[in-house]
Amino acid sequence: MRGSKHRSIADALLMFWVKLKTNLTYNQIGILFNYDTSSEDRRKRVSDSCDAVMDCLLKHFVPNFLGLNRVTYQQALAHDTIYSKTFFGNGFKFTWDATYFFVNKSSDHVLQKKTYSGQKKRHYVKMMSVTLSDGYVLDTSGPYPGSKNDAQIAEHITKVNEHLAKCCGNDAVAIVDRGFDRVRTVFEDLDFLCDGNDYYIMPFRNGTGFTFCSGNYGYNLPCQNGSRYDPLIGCAGANTAACSSNPCLNGGRCIQIENEYKCLCPAYFEGEH
């Protein structure tokens, strides 16, 4: 990106930042930067500057810092939280979900129809994000029209993003909501194992553990006796003596996992106990 006689590189970055923060028109931004020209000339200069910044970001920043192929397996594990480790094991975990951007009703009939969601009764576009356990945004795809549900978007992403399967080891877990059940076969083609009537957690096939989905939560903890994991009592049939002495401090909850235990810490506390 280069400067010109009409604006410097710093001015272009500022124009782009103002556009993102305020959503002013290009003409209004040109007035803020004292462009003493016609309205159309101001609009074109600011528009060209913002386009140049976006092209620069897409060429140099996005490929180097965003995307599923930009984080190693060990770097992803560093974003685990105590809750994600307790409920979903020690492997690579990522969450799929969408972010909505509501828009006004368009005068264009085709665009109006594409952006309208029959479920929410509003017009919007959405971005599908893949995040790690602590909220770190790994990748974002879109925008997609509001008429497309999360499952349809996920199906499209799995077909066009070759890094999705490569970034995960055998112990990876994808955390999704029940809407993704509609594309169960798509995830199974990527060697995900879908189990149960409601599909909240879909771990890669690795020959160990199981998937148990119930209510609003899913658990992928390895009960060696083959029983289902219960969030309150742990593995069925396991010795519960580990939690009998209430080893968790400050009101933490003790969860039995085989013959060991884990403590779920309350807010503002952390540690093993």
Foldseek 3Di string as FASTA:
>chain_A
DAQDPVGGLVLLVVLLVCCVVPVDQQLVSLVVVPPPDDSVVSNVVNVVSNVVVVVCCVVPPCVAPADLVNAAQVRQLVLDDLVCCVFQNSGREKEKDKDKDFDDQDPDPVLNVQQAAPVVRGGIWIKIFIAGPNGHTRHIDDGGHNPDDSLNVVLVCLVPPPSPLVRGDQSYKYFYFQVNVVVVVSVVVSQWDADDDGGGITGHDDPFFDWDDDDGDIGTAGQPVPADADQQAGGPPADSVQPPVVPDPPPWHWYDHRPHIATHDDPPDDDRD
